[in-house]
mmCIF file of all heavy atoms, coordinates in Angstrom:
data_MODEL
# 
_entry.id   MODEL 
# 
loop_
_atom_site.group_PDB 
_atom_site.id 
_atom_site.type_symbol 
_atom_site.label_atom_id 
_atom_site.label_alt_id 
_atom_site.label_comp_id 
_atom_site.label_asym_id 
_atom_site.label_entity_id 
_atom_site.label_seq_id 
_atom_site.pdbx_PDB_ins_code 
_atom_site.Cartn_x 
_atom_site.Cartn_y 
_atom_site.Cartn_z 
_atom_site.occupancy 
_atom_site.B_iso_or_equiv 
_atom_site.pdbx_formal_charge 
_atom_site.auth_seq_id 
_atom_site.auth_comp_id 
_atom_site.auth_asym_id 
_atom_site.auth_atom_id 
_atom_site.pdbx_PDB_model_num 
ATOM 1   N N   . TYR A 1 1  ? 120.926 86.642  90.483  1.00 0.00 ? 1  TYR A N   1 
ATOM 2   C CA  . TYR A 1 1  ? 121.788 87.471  91.331  1.00 0.00 ? 1  TYR A CA  1 
ATOM 3   C C   . TYR A 1 1  ? 120.948 88.257  92.338  1.00 0.00 ? 1  TYR A C   1 
ATOM 4   O O   . TYR A 1 1  ? 121.312 88.293  93.512  1.00 0.00 ? 1  TYR A O   1 
ATOM 5   C CB  . TYR A 1 1  ? 122.617 88.415  90.443  1.00 0.00 ? 1  TYR A CB  1 
ATOM 6   C CG  . TYR A 1 1  ? 123.495 89.307  91.283  1.00 0.00 ? 1  TYR A CG  1 
ATOM 7   C CD1 . TYR A 1 1  ? 124.608 88.767  91.939  1.00 0.00 ? 1  TYR A CD1 1 
ATOM 8   C CD2 . TYR A 1 1  ? 123.171 90.684  91.497  1.00 0.00 ? 1  TYR A CD2 1 
ATOM 9   C CE1 . TYR A 1 1  ? 125.367 89.581  92.765  1.00 0.00 ? 1  TYR A CE1 1 
ATOM 10  C CE2 . TYR A 1 1  ? 123.965 91.454  92.301  1.00 0.00 ? 1  TYR A CE2 1 
ATOM 11  C CZ  . TYR A 1 1  ? 125.087 90.913  92.951  1.00 0.00 ? 1  TYR A CZ  1 
ATOM 12  O OH  . TYR A 1 1  ? 125.841 91.668  93.759  1.00 0.00 ? 1  TYR A OH  1 
ATOM 13  N N   . VAL A 1 2  ? 119.888 88.888  91.879  1.00 0.00 ? 2  VAL A N   1 
ATOM 14  C CA  . VAL A 1 2  ? 119.052 89.679  92.819  1.00 0.00 ? 2  VAL A CA  1 
ATOM 15  C C   . VAL A 1 2  ? 118.461 88.840  93.890  1.00 0.00 ? 2  VAL A C   1 
ATOM 16  O O   . VAL A 1 2  ? 118.437 89.230  95.037  1.00 0.00 ? 2  VAL A O   1 
ATOM 17  C CB  . VAL A 1 2  ? 117.934 90.362  91.963  1.00 0.00 ? 2  VAL A CB  1 
ATOM 18  C CG1 . VAL A 1 2  ? 116.912 91.013  92.925  1.00 0.00 ? 2  VAL A CG1 1 
ATOM 19  C CG2 . VAL A 1 2  ? 118.507 91.426  91.029  1.00 0.00 ? 2  VAL A CG2 1 
ATOM 20  N N   . GLN A 1 3  ? 118.022 87.594  93.510  1.00 0.00 ? 3  GLN A N   1 
ATOM 21  C CA  . GLN A 1 3  ? 117.456 86.718  94.542  1.00 0.00 ? 3  GLN A CA  1 
ATOM 22  C C   . GLN A 1 3  ? 118.516 86.318  95.557  1.00 0.00 ? 3  GLN A C   1 
ATOM 23  O O   . GLN A 1 3  ? 118.150 86.234  96.771  1.00 0.00 ? 3  GLN A O   1 
ATOM 24  C CB  . GLN A 1 3  ? 116.838 85.461  93.866  1.00 0.00 ? 3  GLN A CB  1 
ATOM 25  C CG  . GLN A 1 3  ? 116.044 84.573  94.808  1.00 0.00 ? 3  GLN A CG  1 
ATOM 26  C CD  . GLN A 1 3  ? 114.888 85.340  95.368  1.00 0.00 ? 3  GLN A CD  1 
ATOM 27  O OE1 . GLN A 1 3  ? 114.095 85.942  94.684  1.00 0.00 ? 3  GLN A OE1 1 
ATOM 28  N NE2 . GLN A 1 3  ? 114.746 85.267  96.713  1.00 0.00 ? 3  GLN A NE2 1 
ATOM 29  N N   . HIS A 1 4  ? 119.700 86.094  95.151  1.00 0.00 ? 4  HIS A N   1 
ATOM 30  C CA  . HIS A 1 4  ? 120.750 85.708  96.090  1.00 0.00 ? 4  HIS A CA  1 
ATOM 31  C C   . HIS A 1 4  ? 120.988 86.843  97.106  1.00 0.00 ? 4  HIS A C   1 
ATOM 32  O O   . HIS A 1 4  ? 121.068 86.600  98.296  1.00 0.00 ? 4  HIS A O   1 
ATOM 33  C CB  . HIS A 1 4  ? 122.059 85.413  95.337  1.00 0.00 ? 4  HIS A CB  1 
ATOM 34  C CG  . HIS A 1 4  ? 123.236 85.218  96.247  1.00 0.00 ? 4  HIS A CG  1 
ATOM 35  N ND1 . HIS A 1 4  ? 123.408 84.057  96.996  1.00 0.00 ? 4  HIS A ND1 1 
ATOM 36  C CD2 . HIS A 1 4  ? 124.282 86.021  96.576  1.00 0.00 ? 4  HIS A CD2 1 
ATOM 37  C CE1 . HIS A 1 4  ? 124.504 84.164  97.721  1.00 0.00 ? 4  HIS A CE1 1 
ATOM 38  N NE2 . HIS A 1 4  ? 125.047 85.338  97.479  1.00 0.00 ? 4  HIS A NE2 1 
ATOM 39  N N   . VAL A 1 5  ? 121.089 88.070  96.614  1.00 0.00 ? 5  VAL A N   1 
ATOM 40  C CA  . VAL A 1 5  ? 121.293 89.221  97.511  1.00 0.00 ? 5  VAL A CA  1 
ATOM 41  C C   . VAL A 1 5  ? 120.106 89.418  98.415  1.00 0.00 ? 5  VAL A C   1 
ATOM 42  O O   . VAL A 1 5  ? 120.260 89.653  99.605  1.00 0.00 ? 5  VAL A O   1 
ATOM 43  C CB  . VAL A 1 5  ? 121.581 90.490  96.705  1.00 0.00 ? 5  VAL A CB  1 
ATOM 44  C CG1 . VAL A 1 5  ? 121.679 91.713  97.627  1.00 0.00 ? 5  VAL A CG1 1 
ATOM 45  C CG2 . VAL A 1 5  ? 122.857 90.315  95.849  1.00 0.00 ? 5  VAL A CG2 1 
ATOM 46  N N   . ALA A 1 6  ? 118.884 89.292  97.835  1.00 0.00 ? 6  ALA A N   1 
ATOM 47  C CA  . ALA A 1 6  ? 117.666 89.467  98.649  1.00 0.00 ? 6  ALA A CA  1 
ATOM 48  C C   . ALA A 1 6  ? 117.570 88.400  99.759  1.00 0.00 ? 6  ALA A C   1 
ATOM 49  O O   . ALA A 1 6  ? 117.106 88.718  100.891 1.00 0.00 ? 6  ALA A O   1 
ATOM 50  C CB  . ALA A 1 6  ? 116.420 89.421  97.771  1.00 0.00 ? 6  ALA A CB  1 
ATOM 51  N N   . ASP A 1 7  ? 117.972 87.187  99.454  1.00 0.00 ? 7  ASP A N   1 
ATOM 52  C CA  . ASP A 1 7  ? 117.945 86.092  100.454 1.00 0.00 ? 7  ASP A CA  1 
ATOM 53  C C   . ASP A 1 7  ? 118.836 86.430  101.656 1.00 0.00 ? 7  ASP A C   1 
ATOM 54  O O   . ASP A 1 7  ? 118.519 86.099  102.808 1.00 0.00 ? 7  ASP A O   1 
ATOM 55  C CB  . ASP A 1 7  ? 118.338 84.775  99.860  1.00 0.00 ? 7  ASP A CB  1 
ATOM 56  C CG  . ASP A 1 7  ? 117.252 84.218  98.909  1.00 0.00 ? 7  ASP A CG  1 
ATOM 57  O OD1 . ASP A 1 7  ? 116.105 84.712  99.005  1.00 0.00 ? 7  ASP A OD1 1 
ATOM 58  O OD2 . ASP A 1 7  ? 117.526 83.303  98.115  1.00 0.00 ? 7  ASP A OD2 1 
ATOM 59  N N   . GLU A 1 8  ? 119.962 87.060  101.372 1.00 0.00 ? 8  GLU A N   1 
ATOM 60  C CA  . GLU A 1 8  ? 120.903 87.402  102.392 1.00 0.00 ? 8  GLU A CA  1 
ATOM 61  C C   . GLU A 1 8  ? 120.482 88.625  103.178 1.00 0.00 ? 8  GLU A C   1 
ATOM 62  O O   . GLU A 1 8  ? 120.921 88.823  104.316 1.00 0.00 ? 8  GLU A O   1 
ATOM 63  C CB  . GLU A 1 8  ? 122.289 87.619  101.825 1.00 0.00 ? 8  GLU A CB  1 
ATOM 64  C CG  . GLU A 1 8  ? 122.967 86.420  101.190 1.00 0.00 ? 8  GLU A CG  1 
ATOM 65  C CD  . GLU A 1 8  ? 123.343 85.352  102.198 1.00 0.00 ? 8  GLU A CD  1 
ATOM 66  O OE1 . GLU A 1 8  ? 123.659 85.714  103.339 1.00 0.00 ? 8  GLU A OE1 1 
ATOM 67  O OE2 . GLU A 1 8  ? 123.341 84.181  101.836 1.00 0.00 ? 8  GLU A OE2 1 
ATOM 68  N N   . LEU A 1 9  ? 119.642 89.425  102.584 1.00 0.00 ? 9  LEU A N   1 
ATOM 69  C CA  . LEU A 1 9  ? 119.244 90.702  103.222 1.00 0.00 ? 9  LEU A CA  1 
ATOM 70  C C   . LEU A 1 9  ? 117.741 90.722  103.462 1.00 0.00 ? 9  LEU A C   1 
ATOM 71  O O   . LEU A 1 9  ? 117.052 91.670  103.104 1.00 0.00 ? 9  LEU A O   1 
ATOM 72  C CB  . LEU A 1 9  ? 119.659 91.854  102.373 1.00 0.00 ? 9  LEU A CB  1 
ATOM 73  C CG  . LEU A 1 9  ? 121.151 92.052  102.077 1.00 0.00 ? 9  LEU A CG  1 
ATOM 74  C CD1 . LEU A 1 9  ? 121.384 93.130  101.079 1.00 0.00 ? 9  LEU A CD1 1 
ATOM 75  C CD2 . LEU A 1 9  ? 121.903 92.377  103.366 1.00 0.00 ? 9  LEU A CD2 1 
ATOM 76  N N   . GLN A 1 10 ? 117.199 89.654  103.978 1.00 0.00 ? 10 GLN A N   1 
ATOM 77  C CA  . GLN A 1 10 ? 115.737 89.522  104.171 1.00 0.00 ? 10 GLN A CA  1 
ATOM 78  C C   . GLN A 1 10 ? 115.222 90.619  105.093 1.00 0.00 ? 10 GLN A C   1 
ATOM 79  O O   . GLN A 1 10 ? 115.835 90.928  106.115 1.00 0.00 ? 10 GLN A O   1 
ATOM 80  C CB  . GLN A 1 10 ? 115.419 88.148  104.737 1.00 0.00 ? 10 GLN A CB  1 
ATOM 81  C CG  . GLN A 1 10 ? 115.584 87.033  103.737 1.00 0.00 ? 10 GLN A CG  1 
ATOM 82  C CD  . GLN A 1 10 ? 115.157 85.706  104.322 1.00 0.00 ? 10 GLN A CD  1 
ATOM 83  O OE1 . GLN A 1 10 ? 114.480 85.616  105.347 1.00 0.00 ? 10 GLN A OE1 1 
ATOM 84  N NE2 . GLN A 1 10 ? 115.563 84.624  103.655 1.00 0.00 ? 10 GLN A NE2 1 
ATOM 85  N N   . GLY A 1 11 ? 114.135 91.258  104.692 1.00 0.00 ? 11 GLY A N   1 
ATOM 86  C CA  . GLY A 1 11 ? 113.527 92.324  105.476 1.00 0.00 ? 11 GLY A CA  1 
ATOM 87  C C   . GLY A 1 11 ? 114.120 93.684  105.215 1.00 0.00 ? 11 GLY A C   1 
ATOM 88  O O   . GLY A 1 11 ? 113.630 94.661  105.770 1.00 0.00 ? 11 GLY A O   1 
ATOM 89  N N   . VAL A 1 12 ? 115.151 93.772  104.376 1.00 0.00 ? 12 VAL A N   1 
ATOM 90  C CA  . VAL A 1 12 ? 115.760 95.027  104.051 1.00 0.00 ? 12 VAL A CA  1 
ATOM 91  C C   . VAL A 1 12 ? 115.219 95.541  102.707 1.00 0.00 ? 12 VAL A C   1 
ATOM 92  O O   . VAL A 1 12 ? 115.034 94.775  101.774 1.00 0.00 ? 12 VAL A O   1 
ATOM 93  C CB  . VAL A 1 12 ? 117.330 94.882  103.908 1.00 0.00 ? 12 VAL A CB  1 
ATOM 94  C CG1 . VAL A 1 12 ? 117.941 96.168  103.499 1.00 0.00 ? 12 VAL A CG1 1 
ATOM 95  C CG2 . VAL A 1 12 ? 117.903 94.430  105.256 1.00 0.00 ? 12 VAL A CG2 1 
ATOM 96  N N   . ARG A 1 13 ? 114.957 96.820  102.634 1.00 0.00 ? 13 ARG A N   1 
ATOM 97  C CA  . ARG A 1 13 ? 114.532 97.394  101.370 1.00 0.00 ? 13 ARG A CA  1 
ATOM 98  C C   . ARG A 1 13 ? 115.688 97.469  100.381 1.00 0.00 ? 13 ARG A C   1 
ATOM 99  O O   . ARG A 1 13 ? 116.673 98.135  100.637 1.00 0.00 ? 13 ARG A O   1 
ATOM 100 C CB  . ARG A 1 13 ? 113.960 98.766  101.591 1.00 0.00 ? 13 ARG A CB  1 
ATOM 101 C CG  . ARG A 1 13 ? 113.264 99.382  100.327 1.00 0.00 ? 13 ARG A CG  1 
ATOM 102 C CD  . ARG A 1 13 ? 112.729 100.753 100.524 1.00 0.00 ? 13 ARG A CD  1 
ATOM 103 N NE  . ARG A 1 13 ? 111.996 101.126 99.308  1.00 0.00 ? 13 ARG A NE  1 
ATOM 104 C CZ  . ARG A 1 13 ? 111.620 102.379 99.060  1.00 0.00 ? 13 ARG A CZ  1 
ATOM 105 N NH1 . ARG A 1 13 ? 111.959 103.401 99.870  1.00 0.00 ? 13 ARG A NH1 1 
ATOM 106 N NH2 . ARG A 1 13 ? 110.956 102.675 97.956  1.00 0.00 ? 13 ARG A NH2 1 
ATOM 107 N N   . LEU A 1 14 ? 115.579 96.641  99.327  1.00 0.00 ? 14 LEU A N   1 
ATOM 108 C CA  . LEU A 1 14 ? 116.664 96.491  98.347  1.00 0.00 ? 14 LEU A CA  1 
ATOM 109 C C   . LEU A 1 14 ? 116.207 97.097  97.025  1.00 0.00 ? 14 LEU A C   1 
ATOM 110 O O   . LEU A 1 14 ? 115.199 96.771  96.473  1.00 0.00 ? 14 LEU A O   1 
ATOM 111 C CB  . LEU A 1 14 ? 116.979 95.033  98.180  1.00 0.00 ? 14 LEU A CB  1 
ATOM 112 C CG  . LEU A 1 14 ? 118.077 94.658  97.190  1.00 0.00 ? 14 LEU A CG  1 
ATOM 113 C CD1 . LEU A 1 14 ? 119.385 95.239  97.564  1.00 0.00 ? 14 LEU A CD1 1 
ATOM 114 C CD2 . LEU A 1 14 ? 118.193 93.133  97.080  1.00 0.00 ? 14 LEU A CD2 1 
ATOM 115 N N   . MET A 1 15 ? 117.017 98.103  96.543  1.00 0.00 ? 15 MET A N   1 
ATOM 116 C CA  . MET A 1 15 ? 116.671 98.779  95.280  1.00 0.00 ? 15 MET A CA  1 
ATOM 117 C C   . MET A 1 15 ? 117.870 98.778  94.369  1.00 0.00 ? 15 MET A C   1 
ATOM 118 O O   . MET A 1 15 ? 119.035 98.743  94.830  1.00 0.00 ? 15 MET A O   1 
ATOM 119 C CB  . MET A 1 15 ? 116.269 100.237 95.535  1.00 0.00 ? 15 MET A CB  1 
ATOM 120 C CG  . MET A 1 15 ? 114.957 100.353 96.302  1.00 0.00 ? 15 MET A CG  1 
ATOM 121 S SD  . MET A 1 15 ? 114.575 102.085 96.788  1.00 0.00 ? 15 MET A SD  1 
ATOM 122 C CE  . MET A 1 15 ? 115.623 102.242 98.179  1.00 0.00 ? 15 MET A CE  1 
ATOM 123 N N   . PHE A 1 16 ? 117.613 98.738  93.074  1.00 0.00 ? 16 PHE A N   1 
ATOM 124 C CA  . PHE A 1 16 ? 118.669 98.692  92.066  1.00 0.00 ? 16 PHE A CA  1 
ATOM 125 C C   . PHE A 1 16 ? 118.538 99.850  91.142  1.00 0.00 ? 16 PHE A C   1 
ATOM 126 O O   . PHE A 1 16 ? 117.434 100.324 90.747  1.00 0.00 ? 16 PHE A O   1 
ATOM 127 C CB  . PHE A 1 16 ? 118.565 97.394  91.278  1.00 0.00 ? 16 PHE A CB  1 
ATOM 128 C CG  . PHE A 1 16 ? 119.040 96.182  92.029  1.00 0.00 ? 16 PHE A CG  1 
ATOM 129 C CD1 . PHE A 1 16 ? 118.209 95.519  92.873  1.00 0.00 ? 16 PHE A CD1 1 
ATOM 130 C CD2 . PHE A 1 16 ? 120.332 95.755  91.879  1.00 0.00 ? 16 PHE A CD2 1 
ATOM 131 C CE1 . PHE A 1 16 ? 118.631 94.391  93.572  1.00 0.00 ? 16 PHE A CE1 1 
ATOM 132 C CE2 . PHE A 1 16 ? 120.806 94.649  92.584  1.00 0.00 ? 16 PHE A CE2 1 
ATOM 133 C CZ  . PHE A 1 16 ? 119.937 94.003  93.440  1.00 0.00 ? 16 PHE A CZ  1 
ATOM 134 N N   . MET A 1 17 ? 119.697 100.383 90.736  1.00 0.00 ? 17 MET A N   1 
ATOM 135 C CA  . MET A 1 17 ? 119.797 101.440 89.755  1.00 0.00 ? 17 MET A CA  1 
ATOM 136 C C   . MET A 1 17 ? 119.415 100.925 88.396  1.00 0.00 ? 17 MET A C   1 
ATOM 137 O O   . MET A 1 17 ? 119.872 99.843  87.922  1.00 0.00 ? 17 MET A O   1 
ATOM 138 C CB  . MET A 1 17 ? 121.185 102.043 89.711  1.00 0.00 ? 17 MET A CB  1 
ATOM 139 C CG  . MET A 1 17 ? 121.432 103.106 88.683  1.00 0.00 ? 17 MET A CG  1 
ATOM 140 S SD  . MET A 1 17 ? 120.543 104.594 88.960  1.00 0.00 ? 17 MET A SD  1 
ATOM 141 C CE  . MET A 1 17 ? 121.496 105.276 90.352  1.00 0.00 ? 17 MET A CE  1 
ATOM 142 N N   . GLN A 1 18 ? 118.547 101.626 87.689  1.00 0.00 ? 18 GLN A N   1 
ATOM 143 C CA  . GLN A 1 18 ? 118.166 101.224 86.315  1.00 0.00 ? 18 GLN A CA  1 
ATOM 144 C C   . GLN A 1 18 ? 118.968 102.027 85.270  1.00 0.00 ? 18 GLN A C   1 
ATOM 145 O O   . GLN A 1 18 ? 119.652 103.022 85.612  1.00 0.00 ? 18 GLN A O   1 
ATOM 146 C CB  . GLN A 1 18 ? 116.667 101.492 86.093  1.00 0.00 ? 18 GLN A CB  1 
ATOM 147 C CG  . GLN A 1 18 ? 115.766 100.692 87.031  1.00 0.00 ? 18 GLN A CG  1 
ATOM 148 C CD  . GLN A 1 18 ? 114.319 101.002 86.741  1.00 0.00 ? 18 GLN A CD  1 
ATOM 149 O OE1 . GLN A 1 18 ? 113.624 100.239 86.103  1.00 0.00 ? 18 GLN A OE1 1 
ATOM 150 N NE2 . GLN A 1 18 ? 113.838 102.110 87.242  1.00 0.00 ? 18 GLN A NE2 1 
ATOM 151 N N   . SER A 1 19 ? 118.877 101.612 84.013  1.00 0.00 ? 19 SER A N   1 
ATOM 152 C CA  . SER A 1 19 ? 119.613 102.274 82.964  1.00 0.00 ? 19 SER A CA  1 
ATOM 153 C C   . SER A 1 19 ? 119.187 103.739 82.807  1.00 0.00 ? 19 SER A C   1 
ATOM 154 O O   . SER A 1 19 ? 119.945 104.531 82.232  1.00 0.00 ? 19 SER A O   1 
ATOM 155 C CB  . SER A 1 19 ? 119.395 101.525 81.657  1.00 0.00 ? 19 SER A CB  1 
ATOM 156 O OG  . SER A 1 19 ? 119.883 100.180 81.713  1.00 0.00 ? 19 SER A OG  1 
ATOM 157 N N   . ASN A 1 20 ? 117.950 104.067 83.224  1.00 0.00 ? 20 ASN A N   1 
ATOM 158 C CA  . ASN A 1 20 ? 117.493 105.451 83.022  1.00 0.00 ? 20 ASN A CA  1 
ATOM 159 C C   . ASN A 1 20 ? 117.894 106.372 84.157  1.00 0.00 ? 20 ASN A C   1 
ATOM 160 O O   . ASN A 1 20 ? 117.529 107.565 84.188  1.00 0.00 ? 20 ASN A O   1 
ATOM 161 C CB  . ASN A 1 20 ? 115.939 105.451 82.838  1.00 0.00 ? 20 ASN A CB  1 
ATOM 162 C CG  . ASN A 1 20 ? 115.225 104.882 84.096  1.00 0.00 ? 20 ASN A CG  1 
ATOM 163 O OD1 . ASN A 1 20 ? 115.813 104.696 85.132  1.00 0.00 ? 20 ASN A OD1 1 
ATOM 164 N ND2 . ASN A 1 20 ? 113.952 104.574 83.918  1.00 0.00 ? 20 ASN A ND2 1 
ATOM 165 N N   . GLY A 1 21 ? 118.660 105.848 85.138  1.00 0.00 ? 21 GLY A N   1 
ATOM 166 C CA  . GLY A 1 21 ? 119.129 106.680 86.265  1.00 0.00 ? 21 GLY A CA  1 
ATOM 167 C C   . GLY A 1 21 ? 118.200 106.687 87.440  1.00 0.00 ? 21 GLY A C   1 
ATOM 168 O O   . GLY A 1 21 ? 118.487 107.329 88.433  1.00 0.00 ? 21 GLY A O   1 
ATOM 169 N N   . GLY A 1 22 ? 117.099 105.954 87.377  1.00 0.00 ? 22 GLY A N   1 
ATOM 170 C CA  . GLY A 1 22 ? 116.175 105.846 88.507  1.00 0.00 ? 22 GLY A CA  1 
ATOM 171 C C   . GLY A 1 22 ? 116.339 104.545 89.234  1.00 0.00 ? 22 GLY A C   1 
ATOM 172 O O   . GLY A 1 22 ? 117.019 103.611 88.763  1.00 0.00 ? 22 GLY A O   1 
ATOM 173 N N   . LEU A 1 23 ? 115.698 104.402 90.361  1.00 0.00 ? 23 LEU A N   1 
ATOM 174 C CA  . LEU A 1 23 ? 115.786 103.152 91.193  1.00 0.00 ? 23 LEU A CA  1 
ATOM 175 C C   . LEU A 1 23 ? 114.513 102.317 91.023  1.00 0.00 ? 23 LEU A C   1 
ATOM 176 O O   . LEU A 1 23 ? 113.455 102.853 90.792  1.00 0.00 ? 23 LEU A O   1 
ATOM 177 C CB  . LEU A 1 23 ? 115.955 103.524 92.646  1.00 0.00 ? 23 LEU A CB  1 
ATOM 178 C CG  . LEU A 1 23 ? 117.303 104.121 93.080  1.00 0.00 ? 23 LEU A CG  1 
ATOM 179 C CD1 . LEU A 1 23 ? 117.206 104.737 94.459  1.00 0.00 ? 23 LEU A CD1 1 
ATOM 180 C CD2 . LEU A 1 23 ? 118.413 103.067 93.038  1.00 0.00 ? 23 LEU A CD2 1 
ATOM 181 N N   . ALA A 1 24 ? 114.716 101.031 91.138  1.00 0.00 ? 24 ALA A N   1 
ATOM 182 C CA  . ALA A 1 24 ? 113.613 100.101 91.055  1.00 0.00 ? 24 ALA A CA  1 
ATOM 183 C C   . ALA A 1 24 ? 113.744 99.130  92.219  1.00 0.00 ? 24 ALA A C   1 
ATOM 184 O O   . ALA A 1 24 ? 114.814 98.721  92.618  1.00 0.00 ? 24 ALA A O   1 
ATOM 185 C CB  . ALA A 1 24 ? 113.582 99.253  89.747  1.00 0.00 ? 24 ALA A CB  1 
ATOM 186 N N   . GLU A 1 25 ? 112.560 98.724  92.788  1.00 0.00 ? 25 GLU A N   1 
ATOM 187 C CA  . GLU A 1 25 ? 112.601 97.687  93.805  1.00 0.00 ? 25 GLU A CA  1 
ATOM 188 C C   . GLU A 1 25 ? 113.125 96.380  93.220  1.00 0.00 ? 25 GLU A C   1 
ATOM 189 O O   . GLU A 1 25 ? 112.970 96.136  92.022  1.00 0.00 ? 25 GLU A O   1 
ATOM 190 C CB  . GLU A 1 25 ? 111.128 97.483  94.353  1.00 0.00 ? 25 GLU A CB  1 
ATOM 191 C CG  . GLU A 1 25 ? 110.554 98.675  95.039  1.00 0.00 ? 25 GLU A CG  1 
ATOM 192 C CD  . GLU A 1 25 ? 111.146 98.964  96.386  1.00 0.00 ? 25 GLU A CD  1 
ATOM 193 O OE1 . GLU A 1 25 ? 111.862 98.048  96.954  1.00 0.00 ? 25 GLU A OE1 1 
ATOM 194 O OE2 . GLU A 1 25 ? 110.897 100.054 96.927  1.00 0.00 ? 25 GLU A OE2 1 
ATOM 195 N N   . ALA A 1 26 ? 113.728 95.548  94.044  1.00 0.00 ? 26 ALA A N   1 
ATOM 196 C CA  . ALA A 1 26 ? 114.383 94.356  93.540  1.00 0.00 ? 26 ALA A CA  1 
ATOM 197 C C   . ALA A 1 26 ? 113.481 93.486  92.735  1.00 0.00 ? 26 ALA A C   1 
ATOM 198 O O   . ALA A 1 26 ? 113.883 92.957  91.661  1.00 0.00 ? 26 ALA A O   1 
ATOM 199 C CB  . ALA A 1 26 ? 114.916 93.557  94.766  1.00 0.00 ? 26 ALA A CB  1 
# 
């Protein structure tokens, strides 16, 4: 899933919310 979104948004900083409430790079 992450790869699909990253492919569509190339060059964009993509971050995801983690279970601990912080963000992680894709």
